[in-house]
Amino acid sequence: MTFQECLHKFHESFPNIEVWDYRPICHELFEKDKEGMTIWLKNGDMVVYYPKQEENQT
């Protein structure tokens, strides 16, 4: 999953959450083999988001 796909999935899953900023997560420090991002919300909360990985259809 690309970062853009991850961001799109977040907006689809949580359409009413007001995002202030977001950044990709550094894979070396957190979960390897997963795409995720850190999201800062307008209310001051911070979310670490790892969407469910889609299985490849071959």
Protein backbone atom coordinates (compact mmCIF):
# COMPACT_ATOMS: atom_id res chain seq x y z
CA MET A 1 0.00 0.00 0.00
CA THR A 2 1.40 3.39 -0.92
CA PHE A 3 1.28 6.41 1.38
CA GLN A 4 -1.38 8.01 -0.85
CA GLU A 5 -3.52 4.86 -0.66
CA CYS A 6 -3.13 4.86 3.13
CA LEU A 7 -4.22 8.49 3.34
CA HIS A 8 -7.19 7.84 1.05
CA LYS A 9 -8.27 4.87 3.18
CA PHE A 10 -8.07 7.01 6.34
CA HIS A 11 -10.32 9.68 4.80
CA GLU A 12 -12.79 7.01 3.63
CA SER A 13 -12.87 5.34 7.06
CA PHE A 14 -13.03 8.55 9.12
CA PRO A 15 -14.67 11.25 6.95
CA ASN A 16 -15.69 13.49 9.87
CA ILE A 17 -12.27 13.75 11.53
CA GLU A 18 -10.59 17.12 11.02
CA VAL A 19 -6.95 16.51 10.10
CA TRP A 20 -4.37 19.23 10.77
CA ASP A 21 -1.24 17.47 9.44
CA TYR A 22 0.10 14.00 8.61
CA ARG A 23 3.41 12.26 7.88
CA PRO A 24 4.52 8.76 6.87
CA ILE A 25 5.74 6.60 9.75
CA CYS A 26 9.45 5.76 9.82
CA HIS A 27 9.51 1.99 9.19
CA GLU A 28 12.86 1.46 10.90
CA LEU A 29 11.48 2.75 14.21
CA PHE A 30 8.04 1.13 14.21
CA GLU A 31 6.34 -1.65 12.24
CA LYS A 32 8.36 -3.09 9.38
CA ASP A 33 6.46 -4.33 6.33
CA LYS A 34 3.48 -2.08 7.08
CA GLU A 35 2.48 1.27 5.63
CA GLY A 36 1.23 3.74 8.18
CA MET A 37 1.15 7.39 9.10
CA THR A 38 1.06 9.73 12.04
CA ILE A 39 -1.93 12.07 11.94
CA TRP A 40 -2.33 15.23 13.99
CA LEU A 41 -5.93 16.33 14.45
CA LYS A 42 -7.23 19.89 14.74
CA ASN A 43 -8.37 19.17 18.31
CA GLY A 44 -4.76 18.41 19.36
CA ASP A 45 -5.01 14.60 19.33
CA MET A 46 -2.39 12.49 17.55
CA VAL A 47 -3.22 9.18 15.83
CA VAL A 48 -0.85 6.47 14.63
CA TYR A 49 -2.76 4.81 11.79
CA TYR A 50 -2.01 1.41 10.25
CA PRO A 51 -4.82 0.43 7.88
CA LYS A 52 -5.68 -3.19 7.33
CA GLN A 53 -3.52 -4.48 4.50
CA GLU A 54 -5.42 -5.60 1.41
CA GLU A 55 -4.51 -9.06 0.18
CA ASN A 56 -3.10 -9.17 -3.34
CA GLN A 57 -5.53 -10.56 -5.89
CA THR A 58 -3.64 -12.63 -8.48
